[in-house]
C-alpha cells in the first residue's frame, strides 16, 4: 500500500507550504490523480484520515480527489483516445506506437486555508 507513503509526503509538503505562508489551519487539500496512476483513492482517503490527525494545522482538513482521465496519443495517426478503454493499441489505426499523454499524475492542486 504505497498510498500511506504518498499521504505522508503530501502532509509534509502541505505543512511546509503552510509554514512558509504563515497559515494557522488548512481546511482542505485537493489532489489530482491520474486514472492509471496505480493509486487507490479509498486507500489514500483512509491514510489521510489517520495522518491529518497527527498534525495541528491539518486536524480537520478535508481531502478532495479529482480523477484525471487517461489519454493516449498515437504517433502513427496523431490522434488521441481513452487509454483504459483501448489500451496500447490505437483504435483509429491499429498501431502500437503510442504513449500516455495524461492519466499518470499525482499533483497537489490546491490547499485551502481557513
N, C-alpha and C. Protein backbone atom coordinates (compact mmCIF):
# COMPACT_ATOMS: atom_id res chain seq x y z
N UNK A 1 0.84 -1.18 0.00
CA UNK A 1 0.00 0.00 0.00
C UNK A 1 0.89 1.24 0.00
N UNK A 2 1.23 1.72 -1.17
CA UNK A 2 2.07 2.91 -1.29
C UNK A 2 1.31 4.20 -1.00
N UNK A 3 0.00 4.12 -0.86
CA UNK A 3 -0.80 5.30 -0.55
C UNK A 3 -0.39 5.92 0.79
N UNK A 4 0.02 5.10 1.73
CA UNK A 4 0.48 5.59 3.03
C UNK A 4 1.70 6.51 2.86
N UNK A 5 2.63 6.09 2.05
CA UNK A 5 3.81 6.91 1.77
C UNK A 5 3.46 8.19 1.03
N UNK A 6 2.51 8.10 0.11
CA UNK A 6 2.08 9.28 -0.64
C UNK A 6 1.43 10.30 0.28
N UNK A 7 0.57 9.84 1.17
CA UNK A 7 -0.08 10.75 2.11
C UNK A 7 0.94 11.39 3.04
N UNK A 8 1.90 10.62 3.50
CA UNK A 8 2.97 11.17 4.34
C UNK A 8 3.67 12.30 3.62
N UNK A 9 4.00 12.09 2.36
CA UNK A 9 4.66 13.11 1.54
C UNK A 9 3.78 14.35 1.38
N UNK A 10 2.49 14.16 1.09
CA UNK A 10 1.57 15.28 0.90
C UNK A 10 1.43 16.08 2.19
N UNK A 11 1.25 15.40 3.31
CA UNK A 11 1.10 16.09 4.59
C UNK A 11 2.34 16.91 4.91
N UNK A 12 3.51 16.36 4.70
CA UNK A 12 4.75 17.11 4.94
C UNK A 12 4.87 18.31 4.02
N UNK A 13 4.53 18.11 2.76
CA UNK A 13 4.60 19.22 1.79
C UNK A 13 3.62 20.32 2.16
N UNK A 14 2.41 19.95 2.54
CA UNK A 14 1.40 20.94 2.93
C UNK A 14 1.84 21.68 4.19
N UNK A 15 2.41 20.97 5.14
CA UNK A 15 2.91 21.62 6.37
C UNK A 15 3.98 22.65 6.03
N UNK A 16 4.89 22.31 5.13
CA UNK A 16 5.95 23.25 4.72
C UNK A 16 5.35 24.48 4.05
N UNK A 17 4.41 24.25 3.15
CA UNK A 17 3.77 25.36 2.44
C UNK A 17 3.00 26.24 3.42
N UNK A 18 2.31 25.61 4.36
CA UNK A 18 1.54 26.37 5.36
C UNK A 18 2.47 27.22 6.21
N UNK A 19 3.61 26.65 6.59
CA UNK A 19 4.58 27.40 7.40
C UNK A 19 5.15 28.58 6.61
N UNK A 20 5.51 28.34 5.36
CA UNK A 20 6.06 29.40 4.50
C UNK A 20 5.07 30.55 4.32
N UNK A 21 3.77 30.22 4.31
CA UNK A 21 2.73 31.21 4.07
C UNK A 21 2.02 31.65 5.35
N UNK A 22 2.57 31.25 6.49
CA UNK A 22 2.05 31.62 7.81
C UNK A 22 0.57 31.30 7.97
N UNK A 23 0.19 30.10 7.55
CA UNK A 23 -1.19 29.64 7.71
C UNK A 23 -1.33 28.96 9.07
N UNK A 24 -2.44 29.20 9.73
CA UNK A 24 -2.65 28.57 11.03
C UNK A 24 -3.44 27.28 10.92
N UNK A 25 -4.30 27.17 9.92
CA UNK A 25 -5.11 25.97 9.71
C UNK A 25 -5.31 25.74 8.22
N UNK A 26 -5.39 24.47 7.85
CA UNK A 26 -5.69 24.08 6.48
C UNK A 26 -7.08 23.47 6.47
N UNK A 27 -7.95 23.97 5.59
CA UNK A 27 -9.32 23.46 5.51
C UNK A 27 -9.43 22.26 4.59
N UNK A 28 -8.67 22.30 3.48
CA UNK A 28 -8.74 21.17 2.55
C UNK A 28 -7.51 21.14 1.66
N UNK A 29 -7.28 19.97 1.12
CA UNK A 29 -6.21 19.76 0.15
C UNK A 29 -6.84 19.03 -1.03
N UNK A 30 -6.61 19.57 -2.23
CA UNK A 30 -7.14 18.94 -3.44
C UNK A 30 -5.99 18.29 -4.20
N UNK A 31 -6.17 17.02 -4.51
CA UNK A 31 -5.18 16.26 -5.27
C UNK A 31 -5.76 15.88 -6.63
N UNK A 32 -4.94 15.95 -7.65
CA UNK A 32 -5.29 15.43 -8.97
C UNK A 32 -4.58 14.09 -9.12
N UNK A 33 -5.36 13.07 -9.41
CA UNK A 33 -4.81 11.72 -9.52
C UNK A 33 -5.20 11.14 -10.87
N UNK A 34 -4.21 10.65 -11.58
CA UNK A 34 -4.45 10.05 -12.89
C UNK A 34 -5.15 8.71 -12.78
N UNK A 35 -5.98 8.45 -13.76
CA UNK A 35 -6.79 7.24 -13.81
C UNK A 35 -5.95 5.96 -13.80
N UNK A 36 -4.75 6.01 -14.37
CA UNK A 36 -3.90 4.82 -14.42
C UNK A 36 -2.63 4.99 -13.59
N UNK A 37 -2.72 5.81 -12.55
CA UNK A 37 -1.56 6.08 -11.70
C UNK A 37 -1.24 4.92 -10.76
N UNK A 38 -2.19 4.02 -10.59
CA UNK A 38 -1.98 2.91 -9.67
C UNK A 38 -2.35 3.24 -8.24
N UNK A 39 -2.90 4.42 -8.03
CA UNK A 39 -3.27 4.86 -6.69
C UNK A 39 -4.75 4.51 -6.46
N UNK A 40 -5.02 3.91 -5.31
CA UNK A 40 -6.39 3.55 -4.95
C UNK A 40 -6.95 4.66 -4.07
N UNK A 41 -7.91 5.44 -4.59
CA UNK A 41 -8.43 6.59 -3.84
C UNK A 41 -8.94 6.25 -2.44
N UNK A 42 -9.61 5.13 -2.26
CA UNK A 42 -10.11 4.76 -0.93
C UNK A 42 -8.98 4.54 0.07
N UNK A 43 -7.90 3.92 -0.38
CA UNK A 43 -6.73 3.72 0.49
C UNK A 43 -6.11 5.06 0.85
N UNK A 44 -6.06 5.95 -0.13
CA UNK A 44 -5.49 7.28 0.08
C UNK A 44 -6.32 8.04 1.12
N UNK A 45 -7.62 7.96 0.99
CA UNK A 45 -8.51 8.63 1.95
C UNK A 45 -8.35 8.06 3.35
N UNK A 46 -8.26 6.75 3.47
CA UNK A 46 -8.07 6.13 4.79
C UNK A 46 -6.76 6.59 5.43
N UNK A 47 -5.70 6.62 4.65
CA UNK A 47 -4.41 7.07 5.16
C UNK A 47 -4.48 8.55 5.55
N UNK A 48 -5.21 9.34 4.77
CA UNK A 48 -5.37 10.77 5.05
C UNK A 48 -6.01 10.98 6.42
N UNK A 49 -7.09 10.27 6.69
CA UNK A 49 -7.81 10.41 7.95
C UNK A 49 -6.86 10.13 9.12
N UNK A 50 -6.00 9.15 8.97
CA UNK A 50 -5.04 8.82 10.02
C UNK A 50 -3.97 9.91 10.18
N UNK A 51 -3.36 10.33 9.07
CA UNK A 51 -2.21 11.24 9.16
C UNK A 51 -2.58 12.69 9.46
N UNK A 52 -3.73 13.13 9.02
CA UNK A 52 -4.08 14.53 9.27
C UNK A 52 -4.23 14.80 10.77
N UNK A 53 -4.60 13.78 11.52
CA UNK A 53 -4.77 13.94 12.97
C UNK A 53 -3.44 14.09 13.70
N UNK A 54 -2.37 13.78 13.05
CA UNK A 54 -1.05 13.82 13.68
C UNK A 54 -0.40 15.20 13.59
N UNK A 55 -1.10 16.15 13.02
CA UNK A 55 -0.56 17.50 12.87
C UNK A 55 -1.62 18.53 13.26
N UNK A 56 -1.24 19.52 14.01
CA UNK A 56 -2.18 20.52 14.49
C UNK A 56 -2.82 21.31 13.35
N UNK A 57 -2.04 21.66 12.38
CA UNK A 57 -2.53 22.54 11.31
C UNK A 57 -3.55 21.87 10.39
N UNK A 58 -3.56 20.54 10.36
CA UNK A 58 -4.43 19.83 9.41
C UNK A 58 -5.45 18.91 10.10
N UNK A 59 -5.70 19.11 11.36
CA UNK A 59 -6.60 18.24 12.13
C UNK A 59 -7.93 17.96 11.43
N UNK A 60 -8.53 18.98 10.86
CA UNK A 60 -9.86 18.85 10.25
C UNK A 60 -9.83 18.99 8.72
N UNK A 61 -8.66 18.97 8.14
CA UNK A 61 -8.54 19.20 6.70
C UNK A 61 -9.19 18.07 5.89
N UNK A 62 -10.01 18.46 4.93
CA UNK A 62 -10.64 17.50 4.03
C UNK A 62 -9.68 17.18 2.89
N UNK A 63 -9.81 15.98 2.37
CA UNK A 63 -9.06 15.58 1.18
C UNK A 63 -10.04 15.52 0.03
N UNK A 64 -9.75 16.29 -1.02
CA UNK A 64 -10.59 16.29 -2.22
C UNK A 64 -9.76 15.66 -3.34
N UNK A 65 -10.33 14.65 -3.95
CA UNK A 65 -9.62 13.93 -5.02
C UNK A 65 -10.34 14.18 -6.34
N UNK A 66 -9.57 14.65 -7.31
CA UNK A 66 -10.07 14.84 -8.67
C UNK A 66 -9.35 13.84 -9.57
N UNK A 67 -10.11 12.96 -10.17
CA UNK A 67 -9.53 11.96 -11.05
C UNK A 67 -9.35 12.54 -12.45
N UNK A 68 -8.18 12.31 -13.01
CA UNK A 68 -7.87 12.77 -14.37
C UNK A 68 -7.92 11.57 -15.32
N UNK A 69 -8.60 11.71 -16.45
CA UNK A 69 -8.71 10.58 -17.37
C UNK A 69 -7.37 10.25 -18.02
N UNK A 70 -7.21 8.97 -18.32
CA UNK A 70 -6.02 8.52 -19.04
C UNK A 70 -6.27 8.68 -20.53
N UNK A 71 -5.36 9.39 -21.18
CA UNK A 71 -5.47 9.63 -22.63
C UNK A 71 -4.15 9.24 -23.27
N UNK A 72 -4.24 8.48 -24.35
CA UNK A 72 -3.05 8.03 -25.08
C UNK A 72 -2.99 8.70 -26.44
N UNK A 73 -1.75 8.98 -26.88
CA UNK A 73 -1.50 9.58 -28.19
C UNK A 73 -0.88 8.54 -29.11
N UNK A 74 -1.38 8.48 -30.33
CA UNK A 74 -0.83 7.57 -31.34
C UNK A 74 0.11 8.36 -32.25
N UNK A 75 1.35 7.91 -32.32
CA UNK A 75 2.33 8.57 -33.19
C UNK A 75 2.05 8.33 -34.66
N UNK A 76 1.40 7.23 -34.99
CA UNK A 76 1.15 6.90 -36.40
C UNK A 76 0.07 7.78 -37.01
N UNK A 77 -1.07 7.88 -36.35
CA UNK A 77 -2.18 8.67 -36.93
C UNK A 77 -2.38 10.01 -36.22
N UNK A 78 -1.58 10.26 -35.20
CA UNK A 78 -1.60 11.52 -34.44
C UNK A 78 -2.96 11.85 -33.84
N UNK A 79 -3.65 10.81 -33.38
CA UNK A 79 -4.93 11.01 -32.70
C UNK A 79 -4.80 10.54 -31.25
N UNK A 80 -5.73 11.01 -30.43
CA UNK A 80 -5.77 10.58 -29.03
C UNK A 80 -6.99 9.69 -28.82
N UNK A 81 -6.90 8.90 -27.73
CA UNK A 81 -8.02 8.02 -27.39
C UNK A 81 -7.96 7.68 -25.91
N UNK A 82 -9.11 7.20 -25.36
CA UNK A 82 -9.14 6.83 -23.94
C UNK A 82 -8.33 5.56 -23.69
N UNK A 83 -7.33 5.67 -22.85
CA UNK A 83 -6.39 4.58 -22.59
C UNK A 83 -7.05 3.36 -21.97
N UNK A 84 -7.86 3.57 -20.95
CA UNK A 84 -8.44 2.43 -20.23
C UNK A 84 -9.31 1.58 -21.15
N UNK A 85 -10.03 2.22 -22.02
CA UNK A 85 -10.93 1.51 -22.92
C UNK A 85 -10.19 0.73 -24.00
N UNK A 86 -9.06 1.28 -24.49
CA UNK A 86 -8.40 0.67 -25.65
C UNK A 86 -6.99 0.16 -25.40
N UNK A 87 -6.37 0.50 -24.29
CA UNK A 87 -5.02 0.02 -24.02
C UNK A 87 -3.97 0.67 -24.91
N UNK A 88 -2.96 -0.11 -25.25
CA UNK A 88 -1.83 0.41 -26.02
C UNK A 88 -2.09 0.46 -27.53
N UNK A 89 -3.05 -0.29 -28.01
CA UNK A 89 -3.33 -0.36 -29.45
C UNK A 89 -4.32 0.74 -29.84
N UNK A 90 -3.94 1.56 -30.79
CA UNK A 90 -4.78 2.69 -31.24
C UNK A 90 -6.05 2.17 -31.90
N UNK A 91 -7.21 2.63 -31.44
CA UNK A 91 -8.47 2.18 -32.05
C UNK A 91 -8.73 2.82 -33.42
N UNK A 92 -7.98 3.85 -33.75
CA UNK A 92 -8.17 4.55 -35.03
C UNK A 92 -7.43 3.87 -36.17
N UNK A 93 -6.17 3.43 -35.90
CA UNK A 93 -5.36 2.88 -36.99
C UNK A 93 -4.75 1.51 -36.67
N UNK A 94 -4.87 1.05 -35.43
CA UNK A 94 -4.34 -0.26 -35.06
C UNK A 94 -2.86 -0.26 -34.70
N UNK A 95 -2.23 0.88 -34.69
CA UNK A 95 -0.80 0.98 -34.38
C UNK A 95 -0.55 0.78 -32.88
N UNK A 96 0.65 0.31 -32.57
CA UNK A 96 1.04 0.22 -31.16
C UNK A 96 2.16 1.22 -30.82
N UNK A 97 2.41 2.17 -31.70
CA UNK A 97 3.38 3.23 -31.42
C UNK A 97 2.65 4.37 -30.73
N UNK A 98 2.31 4.12 -29.48
CA UNK A 98 1.50 5.05 -28.70
C UNK A 98 2.20 5.36 -27.38
N UNK A 99 1.78 6.46 -26.77
CA UNK A 99 2.29 6.77 -25.43
C UNK A 99 1.22 7.53 -24.65
N UNK A 100 1.34 7.42 -23.35
CA UNK A 100 0.39 8.04 -22.43
C UNK A 100 0.61 9.55 -22.38
N UNK A 101 -0.45 10.31 -22.62
CA UNK A 101 -0.38 11.77 -22.52
C UNK A 101 -0.74 12.22 -21.10
N UNK A 102 -1.85 11.73 -20.61
CA UNK A 102 -2.31 12.07 -19.26
C UNK A 102 -2.89 10.83 -18.61
N UNK A 103 -2.95 10.88 -17.29
CA UNK A 103 -3.56 9.78 -16.56
C UNK A 103 -2.65 9.14 -15.55
N UNK A 104 -1.40 9.59 -15.47
CA UNK A 104 -0.44 9.04 -14.52
C UNK A 104 -0.05 10.06 -13.45
N UNK A 105 -0.82 11.15 -13.35
CA UNK A 105 -0.47 12.26 -12.47
C UNK A 105 -0.76 11.97 -10.99
N UNK A 106 -0.02 12.68 -10.17
CA UNK A 106 -0.29 12.77 -8.74
C UNK A 106 0.18 14.16 -8.33
N UNK A 107 -0.77 15.10 -8.24
CA UNK A 107 -0.43 16.52 -8.09
C UNK A 107 -1.21 17.14 -6.94
N UNK A 108 -0.52 17.91 -6.12
CA UNK A 108 -1.22 18.74 -5.15
C UNK A 108 -1.71 19.95 -5.93
N UNK A 109 -3.00 20.01 -6.16
CA UNK A 109 -3.58 21.09 -6.97
C UNK A 109 -3.87 22.32 -6.16
N UNK A 110 -4.40 22.14 -4.94
CA UNK A 110 -4.85 23.28 -4.20
C UNK A 110 -4.82 23.01 -2.70
N UNK A 111 -4.49 24.04 -1.95
CA UNK A 111 -4.52 24.00 -0.50
C UNK A 111 -5.41 25.16 -0.06
N UNK A 112 -6.48 24.84 0.66
CA UNK A 112 -7.39 25.87 1.11
C UNK A 112 -7.14 26.14 2.61
N UNK A 113 -6.88 27.39 2.93
CA UNK A 113 -6.67 27.78 4.33
C UNK A 113 -7.99 28.20 4.93
N UNK A 114 -8.07 28.11 6.26
CA UNK A 114 -9.28 28.61 6.93
C UNK A 114 -8.90 29.60 8.02
